[in-house]
Amino acid sequence: MASSDGTTSESPESGSTPETPGSTARRGRVRGRRAAIMAVPAVAVTAGMAILTSQGALGVQFAISGMPFTVTATELDGTGFEQFGGLDNMADNSPNAGDTGGQVLVVTSAIKNATLTKLCQSVDLGGTNLRIEAGSGKDKVQATDLTTDSTELSGDAAFRNIEIGNDASTLTKAGVKGPLGVFSQQADTVNIANLRQTNYATTAGVFKLPGLKLSFSSKAC
């Protein structure tokens, strides 16, 4: 866990419809957000991790709901780690779009193989939370080809053989390639204790959830 650049070409023979001032301003804001991604730097934080990044070629390929959800785990262990930046898009006329144009700037983290201990996921449905828990017993949650699109990520992180500053289109560790010219990083392994994420999307090739418990709760993760 690639967006198009939104440009079109038009032949001289085809007619053009004048744009209203509102549509021109809206298009300008969307293009401005896309252009800003290319200039986003990465920031390493001691005893944690906060990296502004974005969606890649094999990132989320569906329209997101625009409703964020929280994911926590006491520990995440992964092999084949990549991270880079991009945009997730909501469905047309989504009621959650607000003034964002239906787009969310996200961190895409891709892990080839991951295990998570005491996974908790919750989404606020307005007064109550849909809560999922798994991996609290002897068996851990397991995922392959895992990607998460996040706006916030924190924890105590350790990497082995990390490379920082790669072009996202050249990544090799998790099998995901991001957009050409986008800042990224990758590592052979990643360990994050006390993981906490605010996500807009998650995908996985395989996702095993031992001890799965789904419930409605007044408490978020």
N, C-alpha and C. Protein backbone atom coordinates (compact mmCIF):
# COMPACT_ATOMS: atom_id res chain seq x y z
N MET A 1 0.53 -1.17 0.00
CA MET A 1 0.00 0.00 0.00
C MET A 1 0.52 1.14 0.00
N ALA A 2 -1.15 4.45 -9.24
CA ALA A 2 -0.69 5.83 -9.44
C ALA A 2 -1.79 6.73 -9.96
N SER A 3 -1.58 7.73 -9.20
CA SER A 3 -2.62 8.66 -9.60
C SER A 3 -2.29 9.31 -10.93
N SER A 4 -3.33 9.61 -11.75
CA SER A 4 -3.11 10.33 -12.99
C SER A 4 -2.89 11.79 -12.70
N ASP A 5 -2.28 12.47 -13.67
CA ASP A 5 -1.97 13.89 -13.43
C ASP A 5 -3.13 14.81 -13.80
N GLY A 6 -4.21 14.20 -14.35
CA GLY A 6 -5.39 15.01 -14.60
C GLY A 6 -5.30 15.87 -15.84
N THR A 7 -4.24 15.77 -16.68
CA THR A 7 -4.11 16.60 -17.86
C THR A 7 -4.76 15.91 -19.05
N THR A 8 -5.25 16.69 -20.03
CA THR A 8 -5.84 16.16 -21.24
C THR A 8 -5.32 16.96 -22.41
N SER A 9 -5.41 16.39 -23.60
CA SER A 9 -5.02 17.11 -24.81
C SER A 9 -6.24 17.28 -25.69
N GLU A 10 -6.26 18.30 -26.54
CA GLU A 10 -7.42 18.58 -27.37
C GLU A 10 -6.92 19.03 -28.73
N SER A 11 -7.48 18.45 -29.80
CA SER A 11 -7.06 18.80 -31.15
C SER A 11 -7.64 20.15 -31.52
N PRO A 12 -7.02 20.86 -32.50
CA PRO A 12 -7.51 22.18 -32.90
C PRO A 12 -8.93 22.11 -33.44
N GLU A 13 -9.33 20.91 -34.06
CA GLU A 13 -10.63 20.82 -34.69
C GLU A 13 -11.75 20.72 -33.65
N SER A 14 -11.44 20.19 -32.49
CA SER A 14 -12.49 19.99 -31.50
C SER A 14 -12.80 21.30 -30.81
N GLY A 15 -14.08 21.49 -30.48
CA GLY A 15 -14.47 22.72 -29.81
C GLY A 15 -14.11 22.69 -28.35
N SER A 16 -14.09 23.84 -27.73
CA SER A 16 -13.78 23.91 -26.31
C SER A 16 -14.89 24.69 -25.62
N THR A 17 -15.23 24.25 -24.43
CA THR A 17 -16.27 24.92 -23.65
C THR A 17 -15.63 25.82 -22.63
N PRO A 18 -16.00 27.09 -22.60
CA PRO A 18 -15.38 28.01 -21.61
C PRO A 18 -15.63 27.50 -20.20
N GLU A 19 -14.62 27.61 -19.35
CA GLU A 19 -14.72 27.18 -17.97
C GLU A 19 -15.23 28.33 -17.11
N THR A 20 -16.06 27.98 -16.14
CA THR A 20 -16.50 28.99 -15.19
C THR A 20 -15.38 29.30 -14.23
N PRO A 21 -15.37 30.48 -13.61
CA PRO A 21 -14.31 30.83 -12.64
C PRO A 21 -14.22 29.82 -11.52
N GLY A 22 -15.36 29.25 -11.05
CA GLY A 22 -15.32 28.29 -9.95
C GLY A 22 -14.60 27.02 -10.32
N SER A 23 -14.88 26.50 -11.57
CA SER A 23 -14.23 25.26 -11.96
C SER A 23 -12.74 25.46 -12.16
N THR A 24 -12.33 26.63 -12.65
CA THR A 24 -10.91 26.91 -12.83
C THR A 24 -10.18 26.94 -11.50
N ALA A 25 -10.79 27.57 -10.49
CA ALA A 25 -10.16 27.65 -9.17
C ALA A 25 -10.05 26.28 -8.54
N ARG A 26 -11.13 25.47 -8.69
CA ARG A 26 -11.11 24.13 -8.11
C ARG A 26 -10.01 23.29 -8.74
N ARG A 27 -9.90 23.33 -10.09
CA ARG A 27 -8.85 22.58 -10.77
C ARG A 27 -7.47 23.05 -10.34
N GLY A 28 -7.32 24.37 -10.12
CA GLY A 28 -6.04 24.90 -9.68
C GLY A 28 -5.64 24.37 -8.33
N ARG A 29 -6.63 24.23 -7.40
CA ARG A 29 -6.31 23.70 -6.07
C ARG A 29 -5.88 22.25 -6.15
N VAL A 30 -6.59 21.44 -6.98
CA VAL A 30 -6.24 20.03 -7.10
C VAL A 30 -4.85 19.86 -7.69
N ARG A 31 -4.55 20.62 -8.76
CA ARG A 31 -3.22 20.52 -9.36
C ARG A 31 -2.15 21.00 -8.40
N GLY A 32 -2.48 22.03 -7.60
CA GLY A 32 -1.52 22.52 -6.63
C GLY A 32 -1.17 21.46 -5.60
N ARG A 33 -2.18 20.70 -5.12
CA ARG A 33 -1.91 19.64 -4.15
C ARG A 33 -1.04 18.55 -4.77
N ARG A 34 -1.33 18.21 -6.04
CA ARG A 34 -0.53 17.17 -6.69
C ARG A 34 0.92 17.61 -6.86
N ALA A 35 1.10 18.86 -7.25
CA ALA A 35 2.46 19.36 -7.44
C ALA A 35 3.22 19.39 -6.13
N ALA A 36 2.50 19.66 -5.03
CA ALA A 36 3.17 19.76 -3.73
C ALA A 36 3.76 18.44 -3.29
N ILE A 37 3.18 17.31 -3.73
CA ILE A 37 3.70 15.99 -3.32
C ILE A 37 5.15 15.83 -3.73
N MET A 38 5.50 16.32 -4.92
CA MET A 38 6.84 16.13 -5.44
C MET A 38 7.89 16.84 -4.59
N ALA A 39 7.46 17.82 -3.81
CA ALA A 39 8.42 18.60 -3.02
C ALA A 39 8.41 18.21 -1.54
N VAL A 40 7.64 17.17 -1.18
CA VAL A 40 7.53 16.80 0.24
C VAL A 40 8.79 16.07 0.69
N PRO A 41 9.46 16.53 1.74
CA PRO A 41 10.64 15.83 2.26
C PRO A 41 10.23 14.77 3.27
N ALA A 42 11.16 13.89 3.64
CA ALA A 42 10.92 12.92 4.71
C ALA A 42 11.56 13.43 5.98
N VAL A 43 10.96 13.12 7.12
CA VAL A 43 11.47 13.57 8.41
C VAL A 43 11.59 12.37 9.33
N ALA A 44 12.80 12.05 9.79
CA ALA A 44 13.00 10.97 10.74
C ALA A 44 12.86 11.50 12.14
N VAL A 45 12.10 10.83 12.99
CA VAL A 45 11.84 11.26 14.35
C VAL A 45 12.41 10.23 15.32
N THR A 46 13.23 10.68 16.30
CA THR A 46 13.78 9.79 17.31
C THR A 46 12.65 9.16 18.11
N ALA A 47 12.78 7.84 18.38
CA ALA A 47 11.78 7.07 19.14
C ALA A 47 10.43 7.08 18.45
N GLY A 48 10.41 7.23 17.14
CA GLY A 48 9.15 7.20 16.41
C GLY A 48 9.40 7.38 14.93
N MET A 49 8.32 7.55 14.15
CA MET A 49 8.48 7.70 12.72
C MET A 49 7.33 8.51 12.18
N ALA A 50 7.63 9.59 11.42
CA ALA A 50 6.59 10.37 10.76
C ALA A 50 7.12 10.78 9.41
N ILE A 51 6.69 10.11 8.35
CA ILE A 51 7.23 10.36 7.03
C ILE A 51 6.11 10.73 6.07
N LEU A 52 6.19 11.92 5.44
CA LEU A 52 5.21 12.33 4.47
C LEU A 52 5.53 11.64 3.15
N THR A 53 4.57 10.83 2.67
CA THR A 53 4.81 10.02 1.49
C THR A 53 3.55 9.87 0.66
N SER A 54 3.52 8.94 -0.39
CA SER A 54 2.29 8.85 -1.19
C SER A 54 2.07 7.57 -1.97
N GLN A 55 0.95 7.48 -2.66
CA GLN A 55 0.44 6.26 -3.27
C GLN A 55 1.24 5.83 -4.48
N GLY A 56 1.47 4.51 -4.63
CA GLY A 56 2.24 3.99 -5.74
C GLY A 56 1.41 3.22 -6.73
N ALA A 57 2.09 2.62 -7.71
CA ALA A 57 1.40 1.92 -8.78
C ALA A 57 0.55 0.78 -8.26
N LEU A 58 0.97 0.13 -7.19
CA LEU A 58 0.21 -0.97 -6.61
C LEU A 58 -0.42 -0.58 -5.28
N GLY A 59 -0.61 0.71 -5.07
CA GLY A 59 -1.29 1.17 -3.87
C GLY A 59 -2.78 0.98 -4.03
N VAL A 60 -3.56 1.75 -3.31
CA VAL A 60 -5.01 1.60 -3.35
C VAL A 60 -5.53 1.89 -4.76
N GLN A 61 -6.36 0.98 -5.28
CA GLN A 61 -6.91 1.13 -6.63
C GLN A 61 -8.43 1.21 -6.60
N PHE A 62 -8.98 1.55 -5.44
CA PHE A 62 -10.42 1.72 -5.31
C PHE A 62 -10.71 3.09 -4.73
N ALA A 63 -11.95 3.54 -4.90
CA ALA A 63 -12.35 4.83 -4.32
C ALA A 63 -12.54 4.66 -2.83
N ILE A 64 -11.82 5.44 -2.05
CA ILE A 64 -11.92 5.34 -0.60
C ILE A 64 -13.21 6.00 -0.11
N SER A 65 -13.69 5.58 1.07
CA SER A 65 -14.90 6.16 1.63
C SER A 65 -14.67 7.58 2.14
N GLY A 66 -13.41 7.87 2.51
CA GLY A 66 -13.11 9.16 3.12
C GLY A 66 -13.30 9.16 4.61
N MET A 67 -13.64 8.00 5.20
CA MET A 67 -13.77 7.87 6.65
C MET A 67 -12.49 7.26 7.21
N PRO A 68 -11.73 7.98 8.04
CA PRO A 68 -10.49 7.42 8.58
C PRO A 68 -10.78 6.36 9.63
N PHE A 69 -9.83 5.42 9.79
CA PHE A 69 -9.95 4.42 10.84
C PHE A 69 -8.61 4.28 11.55
N THR A 70 -8.67 3.91 12.82
CA THR A 70 -7.48 3.79 13.65
C THR A 70 -7.02 2.34 13.70
N VAL A 71 -5.70 2.13 13.59
CA VAL A 71 -5.11 0.80 13.72
C VAL A 71 -3.99 0.87 14.75
N THR A 72 -4.00 -0.05 15.70
CA THR A 72 -2.92 -0.13 16.69
C THR A 72 -2.44 -1.56 16.79
N ALA A 73 -1.19 -1.73 17.21
CA ALA A 73 -0.61 -3.04 17.50
C ALA A 73 0.52 -2.85 18.48
N THR A 74 0.68 -3.80 19.41
CA THR A 74 1.79 -3.66 20.34
C THR A 74 3.11 -3.85 19.65
N GLU A 75 3.11 -4.61 18.53
CA GLU A 75 4.36 -4.79 17.77
C GLU A 75 4.05 -5.21 16.34
N LEU A 76 4.82 -4.66 15.42
CA LEU A 76 4.79 -5.08 14.02
C LEU A 76 6.19 -5.49 13.60
N ASP A 77 6.32 -6.68 13.01
CA ASP A 77 7.57 -7.14 12.43
C ASP A 77 7.34 -7.38 10.95
N GLY A 78 8.23 -6.84 10.11
CA GLY A 78 8.06 -7.01 8.68
C GLY A 78 9.36 -7.22 7.94
N THR A 79 9.27 -7.95 6.84
CA THR A 79 10.40 -8.10 5.91
C THR A 79 9.98 -7.54 4.56
N GLY A 80 10.91 -6.80 3.94
CA GLY A 80 10.59 -6.15 2.67
C GLY A 80 9.70 -4.95 2.90
N PHE A 81 10.33 -3.80 3.24
CA PHE A 81 9.59 -2.59 3.62
C PHE A 81 9.85 -1.47 2.63
N GLU A 82 8.78 -0.77 2.22
CA GLU A 82 8.88 0.41 1.36
C GLU A 82 7.92 1.48 1.87
N GLN A 83 8.25 2.75 1.56
CA GLN A 83 7.37 3.85 1.96
C GLN A 83 7.56 5.02 1.00
N PHE A 84 6.45 5.59 0.57
CA PHE A 84 6.49 6.71 -0.37
C PHE A 84 5.16 7.44 -0.32
N GLY A 85 4.95 8.49 -1.12
CA GLY A 85 3.79 9.35 -0.95
C GLY A 85 2.84 9.49 -2.12
N GLY A 86 1.59 9.88 -1.90
CA GLY A 86 0.63 10.07 -2.99
C GLY A 86 -0.74 10.54 -2.55
N LEU A 87 -1.73 10.34 -3.40
CA LEU A 87 -3.09 10.80 -3.17
C LEU A 87 -4.07 9.63 -3.27
N ASP A 88 -5.00 9.54 -2.31
CA ASP A 88 -6.15 8.65 -2.43
C ASP A 88 -7.35 9.47 -2.86
N ASN A 89 -8.25 8.86 -3.62
CA ASN A 89 -9.39 9.57 -4.17
C ASN A 89 -10.70 8.94 -3.71
N MET A 90 -11.65 9.79 -3.35
CA MET A 90 -12.98 9.35 -2.98
C MET A 90 -13.84 9.21 -4.23
N ALA A 91 -14.98 8.55 -4.07
CA ALA A 91 -15.94 8.45 -5.17
C ALA A 91 -16.47 9.84 -5.51
N ASP A 92 -16.91 10.01 -6.75
CA ASP A 92 -17.47 11.29 -7.17
C ASP A 92 -18.65 11.67 -6.27
N ASN A 93 -18.69 12.94 -5.91
CA ASN A 93 -19.77 13.48 -5.09
C ASN A 93 -19.86 12.84 -3.71
N SER A 94 -18.73 12.34 -3.19
CA SER A 94 -18.73 11.74 -1.86
C SER A 94 -19.13 12.77 -0.80
N PRO A 95 -20.01 12.41 0.14
CA PRO A 95 -20.39 13.35 1.20
C PRO A 95 -19.25 13.66 2.16
N ASN A 96 -18.16 12.87 2.10
CA ASN A 96 -17.02 13.07 3.00
C ASN A 96 -15.93 13.93 2.37
N ALA A 97 -16.15 14.45 1.17
CA ALA A 97 -15.11 15.19 0.46
C ALA A 97 -14.77 16.51 1.13
N GLY A 98 -15.77 17.19 1.71
CA GLY A 98 -15.52 18.49 2.30
C GLY A 98 -14.94 19.45 1.28
N ASP A 99 -13.88 20.20 1.68
CA ASP A 99 -13.25 21.14 0.75
C ASP A 99 -11.95 20.58 0.18
N THR A 100 -11.77 19.24 0.23
CA THR A 100 -10.53 18.61 -0.23
C THR A 100 -10.55 18.25 -1.71
N GLY A 101 -11.70 18.41 -2.37
CA GLY A 101 -11.80 17.96 -3.74
C GLY A 101 -11.89 16.45 -3.84
N GLY A 102 -12.16 15.78 -2.71
CA GLY A 102 -12.28 14.32 -2.72
C GLY A 102 -10.94 13.61 -2.70
N GLN A 103 -9.87 14.31 -2.30
CA GLN A 103 -8.54 13.71 -2.28
C GLN A 103 -7.92 13.80 -0.89
N VAL A 104 -7.11 12.79 -0.55
CA VAL A 104 -6.41 12.76 0.73
C VAL A 104 -4.93 12.46 0.47
N LEU A 105 -4.04 13.33 0.97
CA LEU A 105 -2.61 13.09 0.90
C LEU A 105 -2.24 12.04 1.94
N VAL A 106 -1.60 10.94 1.50
CA VAL A 106 -1.37 9.80 2.39
C VAL A 106 0.08 9.32 2.35
N VAL A 107 0.43 8.56 3.39
CA VAL A 107 1.66 7.78 3.45
C VAL A 107 1.33 6.36 3.03
N THR A 108 1.93 5.86 1.97
CA THR A 108 1.78 4.46 1.61
C THR A 108 2.96 3.67 2.15
N SER A 109 2.67 2.72 3.02
CA SER A 109 3.69 1.80 3.54
C SER A 109 3.39 0.42 2.98
N ALA A 110 4.39 -0.20 2.37
CA ALA A 110 4.23 -1.54 1.79
C ALA A 110 5.18 -2.50 2.49
N ILE A 111 4.67 -3.65 2.91
CA ILE A 111 5.47 -4.67 3.58
C ILE A 111 5.19 -6.01 2.90
N LYS A 112 6.24 -6.70 2.48
CA LYS A 112 6.07 -7.97 1.78
C LYS A 112 5.47 -9.03 2.70
N ASN A 113 6.02 -9.18 3.90
CA ASN A 113 5.49 -10.13 4.89
C ASN A 113 5.50 -9.45 6.25
N ALA A 114 4.36 -9.50 6.95
CA ALA A 114 4.23 -8.80 8.23
C ALA A 114 3.53 -9.67 9.26
N THR A 115 3.94 -9.53 10.52
CA THR A 115 3.21 -10.11 11.65
C THR A 115 2.90 -8.98 12.63
N LEU A 116 1.71 -9.02 13.22
CA LEU A 116 1.28 -7.98 14.15
C LEU A 116 0.74 -8.63 15.41
N THR A 117 1.11 -8.09 16.56
CA THR A 117 0.67 -8.58 17.85
C THR A 117 -0.40 -7.65 18.42
N LYS A 118 -1.51 -8.25 18.86
CA LYS A 118 -2.62 -7.50 19.48
C LYS A 118 -3.10 -6.37 18.56
N LEU A 119 -3.54 -6.76 17.39
CA LEU A 119 -4.08 -5.80 16.43
C LEU A 119 -5.45 -5.30 16.87
N CYS A 120 -5.66 -4.00 16.75
CA CYS A 120 -6.97 -3.39 17.01
C CYS A 120 -7.25 -2.39 15.90
N GLN A 121 -8.47 -2.45 15.36
CA GLN A 121 -8.89 -1.51 14.32
C GLN A 121 -10.27 -0.98 14.69
N SER A 122 -10.46 0.33 14.60
CA SER A 122 -11.77 0.90 14.91
C SER A 122 -12.08 2.05 13.97
N VAL A 123 -13.37 2.18 13.65
CA VAL A 123 -13.84 3.30 12.82
C VAL A 123 -15.03 3.93 13.53
N ASP A 124 -15.02 5.24 13.62
CA ASP A 124 -16.08 6.00 14.29
C ASP A 124 -17.28 6.11 13.35
N LEU A 125 -18.41 5.53 13.78
CA LEU A 125 -19.62 5.57 12.97
C LEU A 125 -20.58 6.64 13.43
N GLY A 126 -20.11 7.51 14.32
CA GLY A 126 -20.94 8.59 14.82
C GLY A 126 -21.63 8.19 16.10
N GLY A 127 -20.90 8.25 17.20
CA GLY A 127 -21.47 7.89 18.48
C GLY A 127 -21.12 6.49 18.93
N THR A 128 -20.71 5.63 18.01
CA THR A 128 -20.25 4.28 18.36
C THR A 128 -19.13 3.89 17.42
N ASN A 129 -18.31 2.93 17.84
CA ASN A 129 -17.17 2.49 17.04
C ASN A 129 -17.34 1.04 16.61
N LEU A 130 -17.11 0.77 15.33
CA LEU A 130 -16.99 -0.60 14.87
C LEU A 130 -15.56 -1.03 15.13
N ARG A 131 -15.38 -2.03 15.97
CA ARG A 131 -14.07 -2.39 16.49
C ARG A 131 -13.74 -3.83 16.12
N ILE A 132 -12.52 -4.06 15.63
CA ILE A 132 -12.02 -5.39 15.29
C ILE A 132 -10.74 -5.63 16.07
N GLU A 133 -10.66 -6.79 16.72
CA GLU A 133 -9.46 -7.18 17.45
C GLU A 133 -9.03 -8.58 17.02
N ALA A 134 -7.72 -8.82 17.00
CA ALA A 134 -7.19 -10.14 16.61
C ALA A 134 -5.74 -10.24 17.06
N GLY A 135 -5.23 -11.48 17.13
CA GLY A 135 -3.82 -11.69 17.45
C GLY A 135 -3.45 -11.43 18.89
N SER A 136 -4.42 -11.58 19.81
CA SER A 136 -4.13 -11.34 21.23
C SER A 136 -3.64 -12.59 21.95
N GLY A 137 -3.78 -13.76 21.32
CA GLY A 137 -3.33 -15.02 21.91
C GLY A 137 -1.94 -15.39 21.47
N LYS A 138 -1.67 -16.70 21.42
CA LYS A 138 -0.34 -17.17 21.03
C LYS A 138 -0.05 -16.97 19.54
N ASP A 139 -1.11 -16.94 18.72
CA ASP A 139 -0.94 -16.75 17.28
C ASP A 139 -1.08 -15.28 16.92
N LYS A 140 -0.17 -14.78 16.09
CA LYS A 140 -0.17 -13.39 15.68
C LYS A 140 -0.91 -13.21 14.35
N VAL A 141 -1.33 -11.99 14.11
CA VAL A 141 -1.89 -11.63 12.80
C VAL A 141 -0.79 -11.72 11.76
N GLN A 142 -1.10 -12.31 10.61
CA GLN A 142 -0.12 -12.44 9.53
C GLN A 142 -0.68 -11.84 8.25
N ALA A 143 0.17 -11.13 7.51
CA ALA A 143 -0.25 -10.52 6.25
C ALA A 143 0.87 -10.61 5.24
N THR A 144 0.50 -10.81 3.98
CA THR A 144 1.46 -10.75 2.88
C THR A 144 1.02 -9.66 1.91
N ASP A 145 2.00 -9.03 1.27
CA ASP A 145 1.74 -7.93 0.33
C ASP A 145 0.81 -6.90 0.97
N LEU A 146 1.17 -6.48 2.18
CA LEU A 146 0.36 -5.53 2.95
C LEU A 146 0.69 -4.09 2.56
N THR A 147 -0.34 -3.29 2.30
CA THR A 147 -0.14 -1.85 2.10
C THR A 147 -1.14 -1.09 2.96
N THR A 148 -0.69 0.01 3.54
CA THR A 148 -1.57 0.89 4.30
C THR A 148 -1.38 2.32 3.82
N ASP A 149 -2.47 3.03 3.67
CA ASP A 149 -2.45 4.45 3.30
C ASP A 149 -2.85 5.25 4.53
N SER A 150 -1.90 6.01 5.07
CA SER A 150 -2.07 6.65 6.38
C SER A 150 -1.86 8.15 6.28
N THR A 151 -2.50 8.87 7.20
CA THR A 151 -2.22 10.29 7.38
C THR A 151 -1.41 10.53 8.64
N GLU A 152 -1.40 9.56 9.57
CA GLU A 152 -0.59 9.65 10.78
C GLU A 152 -0.05 8.26 11.09
N LEU A 153 1.22 8.21 11.53
CA LEU A 153 1.86 6.95 11.90
C LEU A 153 2.86 7.25 13.01
N SER A 154 2.80 6.47 14.10
CA SER A 154 3.74 6.68 15.18
C SER A 154 4.11 5.35 15.81
N GLY A 155 5.23 5.34 16.52
CA GLY A 155 5.72 4.14 17.19
C GLY A 155 7.22 4.24 17.39
N ASP A 156 7.81 3.17 17.93
CA ASP A 156 9.25 3.10 18.11
C ASP A 156 9.79 2.16 17.04
N ALA A 157 10.49 2.72 16.05
CA ALA A 157 10.83 1.99 14.83
C ALA A 157 12.31 1.65 14.74
N ALA A 158 12.59 0.48 14.17
CA ALA A 158 13.97 0.06 13.88
C ALA A 158 13.99 -0.59 12.51
N PHE A 159 15.01 -0.26 11.70
CA PHE A 159 15.14 -0.78 10.35
C PHE A 159 16.49 -1.47 10.18
N ARG A 160 16.53 -2.42 9.26
CA ARG A 160 17.81 -3.05 8.90
C ARG A 160 18.07 -2.80 7.42
N ASN A 161 19.31 -2.33 7.14
CA ASN A 161 19.72 -2.02 5.76
C ASN A 161 18.74 -1.04 5.10
N ILE A 162 18.53 0.10 5.74
CA ILE A 162 17.60 1.10 5.21
C ILE A 162 18.28 1.95 4.15
N GLU A 163 17.50 2.32 3.13
CA GLU A 163 17.93 3.23 2.07
C GLU A 163 16.94 4.38 2.05
N ILE A 164 17.43 5.62 2.23
CA ILE A 164 16.57 6.79 2.30
C ILE A 164 16.90 7.72 1.14
N GLY A 165 15.88 8.16 0.43
CA GLY A 165 16.07 9.08 -0.68
C GLY A 165 15.96 8.44 -2.04
N ASN A 166 15.51 7.17 -2.10
CA ASN A 166 15.33 6.50 -3.38
C ASN A 166 14.25 7.20 -4.21
N ASP A 167 14.36 7.06 -5.54
CA ASP A 167 13.24 7.40 -6.40
C ASP A 167 12.21 6.29 -6.24
N ALA A 168 10.96 6.66 -5.99
CA ALA A 168 9.93 5.65 -5.69
C ALA A 168 9.71 4.65 -6.82
N SER A 169 10.06 5.03 -8.04
CA SER A 169 9.86 4.12 -9.18
C SER A 169 10.91 3.02 -9.23
N THR A 170 11.94 3.09 -8.37
CA THR A 170 13.03 2.10 -8.40
C THR A 170 13.01 1.17 -7.20
N LEU A 171 11.99 1.21 -6.35
CA LEU A 171 11.93 0.39 -5.15
C LEU A 171 11.87 -1.10 -5.50
N THR A 172 12.49 -1.93 -4.63
CA THR A 172 12.59 -3.37 -4.93
C THR A 172 12.24 -4.27 -3.75
N LYS A 173 12.10 -3.74 -2.54
CA LYS A 173 12.03 -4.59 -1.35
C LYS A 173 10.67 -5.26 -1.14
N ALA A 174 9.58 -4.59 -1.52
CA ALA A 174 8.24 -5.14 -1.25
C ALA A 174 7.46 -5.46 -2.52
N GLY A 175 8.08 -5.25 -3.68
CA GLY A 175 7.39 -5.54 -4.94
C GLY A 175 6.43 -4.46 -5.38
N VAL A 176 6.51 -3.28 -4.78
CA VAL A 176 5.65 -2.15 -5.15
C VAL A 176 6.53 -1.03 -5.70
N LYS A 177 6.12 -0.42 -6.79
CA LYS A 177 6.86 0.70 -7.35
C LYS A 177 5.97 1.93 -7.34
N GLY A 178 6.52 3.04 -6.84
CA GLY A 178 5.78 4.29 -6.77
C GLY A 178 6.01 5.15 -8.00
N PRO A 179 5.50 6.40 -7.97
CA PRO A 179 5.63 7.30 -9.11
C PRO A 179 7.06 7.77 -9.32
N LEU A 180 7.42 7.99 -10.56
CA LEU A 180 8.73 8.51 -10.93
C LEU A 180 8.94 9.89 -10.32
N GLY A 181 10.12 10.09 -9.70
CA GLY A 181 10.47 11.39 -9.15
C GLY A 181 10.00 11.65 -7.75
N VAL A 182 9.35 10.67 -7.09
CA VAL A 182 8.85 10.86 -5.73
C VAL A 182 9.84 10.30 -4.72
N PHE A 183 10.08 11.06 -3.66
CA PHE A 183 10.97 10.66 -2.57
C PHE A 183 10.42 9.41 -1.89
N SER A 184 11.33 8.47 -1.51
CA SER A 184 10.89 7.25 -0.85
C SER A 184 12.02 6.68 -0.01
N GLN A 185 11.71 5.61 0.70
CA GLN A 185 12.72 4.85 1.43
C GLN A 185 12.33 3.39 1.43
N GLN A 186 13.32 2.50 1.67
CA GLN A 186 13.05 1.08 1.76
C GLN A 186 14.09 0.43 2.68
N ALA A 187 13.74 -0.76 3.20
CA ALA A 187 14.64 -1.47 4.12
C ALA A 187 14.37 -2.97 4.01
N ASP A 188 15.38 -3.75 4.41
CA ASP A 188 15.21 -5.21 4.41
C ASP A 188 14.18 -5.63 5.44
N THR A 189 14.22 -5.02 6.64
CA THR A 189 13.27 -5.37 7.70
C THR A 189 12.83 -4.10 8.43
N VAL A 190 11.67 -4.20 9.08
CA VAL A 190 11.16 -3.12 9.92
C VAL A 190 10.55 -3.73 11.17
N ASN A 191 10.79 -3.07 12.31
CA ASN A 191 10.13 -3.43 13.56
C ASN A 191 9.59 -2.15 14.18
N ILE A 192 8.30 -2.15 14.50
CA ILE A 192 7.68 -0.98 15.13
C ILE A 192 6.93 -1.44 16.37
N ALA A 193 7.37 -0.95 17.52
CA ALA A 193 6.67 -1.22 18.78
C ALA A 193 5.67 -0.09 19.03
N ASN A 194 4.55 -0.44 19.66
CA ASN A 194 3.52 0.55 19.98
C ASN A 194 3.04 1.29 18.73
N LEU A 195 2.74 0.53 17.70
CA LEU A 195 2.30 1.10 16.43
C LEU A 195 0.92 1.73 16.58
N ARG A 196 0.78 2.91 15.98
CA ARG A 196 -0.53 3.57 15.91
C ARG A 196 -0.63 4.29 14.57
N GLN A 197 -1.71 4.04 13.83
CA GLN A 197 -1.91 4.65 12.52
C GLN A 197 -3.31 5.21 12.41
N THR A 198 -3.42 6.30 11.65
CA THR A 198 -4.72 6.76 11.15
C THR A 198 -4.72 6.45 9.66
N ASN A 199 -5.57 5.51 9.24
CA ASN A 199 -5.55 5.00 7.87
C ASN A 199 -6.81 5.38 7.12
N TYR A 200 -6.67 5.43 5.79
CA TYR A 200 -7.82 5.58 4.91
C TYR A 200 -8.03 4.35 4.06
N ALA A 201 -7.03 3.46 3.99
CA ALA A 201 -7.18 2.24 3.21
C ALA A 201 -6.12 1.23 3.62
N THR A 202 -6.46 -0.04 3.52
CA THR A 202 -5.53 -1.15 3.73
C THR A 202 -5.81 -2.21 2.70
N THR A 203 -4.76 -2.79 2.12
CA THR A 203 -4.92 -3.93 1.22
C THR A 203 -3.90 -4.99 1.60
N ALA A 204 -4.21 -6.25 1.27
CA ALA A 204 -3.28 -7.34 1.54
C ALA A 204 -3.60 -8.50 0.60
N GLY A 205 -2.55 -9.23 0.20
CA GLY A 205 -2.76 -10.44 -0.59
C GLY A 205 -3.39 -11.53 0.27
N VAL A 206 -2.85 -11.72 1.47
CA VAL A 206 -3.39 -12.64 2.47
C VAL A 206 -3.40 -11.92 3.81
N PHE A 207 -4.50 -12.07 4.57
CA PHE A 207 -4.62 -11.42 5.88
C PHE A 207 -5.24 -12.45 6.83
N LYS A 208 -4.43 -13.00 7.75
CA LYS A 208 -4.89 -14.01 8.70
C LYS A 208 -5.09 -13.36 10.06
N LEU A 209 -6.30 -13.50 10.62
CA LEU A 209 -6.69 -12.83 11.86
C LEU A 209 -7.11 -13.86 12.90
N PRO A 210 -6.16 -14.49 13.59
CA PRO A 210 -6.52 -15.46 14.62
C PRO A 210 -7.20 -14.79 15.82
N GLY A 211 -8.22 -15.44 16.36
CA GLY A 211 -8.93 -14.88 17.49
C GLY A 211 -9.73 -13.64 17.14
N LEU A 212 -10.24 -13.57 15.91
CA LEU A 212 -10.97 -12.39 15.45
C LEU A 212 -12.19 -12.11 16.32
N LYS A 213 -12.35 -10.85 16.71
CA LYS A 213 -13.51 -10.40 17.46
C LYS A 213 -13.98 -9.07 16.87
N LEU A 214 -15.23 -9.05 16.42
CA LEU A 214 -15.83 -7.83 15.86
C LEU A 214 -16.97 -7.41 16.76
N SER A 215 -17.02 -6.12 17.11
CA SER A 215 -18.06 -5.65 18.01
C SER A 215 -18.26 -4.15 17.83
N PHE A 216 -19.39 -3.65 18.38
CA PHE A 216 -19.60 -2.22 18.50
C PHE A 216 -19.21 -1.80 19.90
N SER A 217 -18.51 -0.69 20.02
CA SER A 217 -17.99 -0.28 21.31
C SER A 217 -17.99 1.24 21.42
N SER A 218 -18.10 1.71 22.66
CA SER A 218 -18.00 3.15 22.91
C SER A 218 -16.54 3.61 22.88
N LYS A 219 -15.59 2.64 22.92
CA LYS A 219 -14.18 2.95 22.95
C LYS A 219 -13.51 2.66 21.61
N ALA A 220 -12.72 3.62 21.13
CA ALA A 220 -11.91 3.42 19.93
C ALA A 220 -10.61 2.72 20.35
N CYS A 221 -9.84 2.28 19.37
CA CYS A 221 -8.57 1.62 19.66
C CYS A 221 -7.54 2.64 20.18
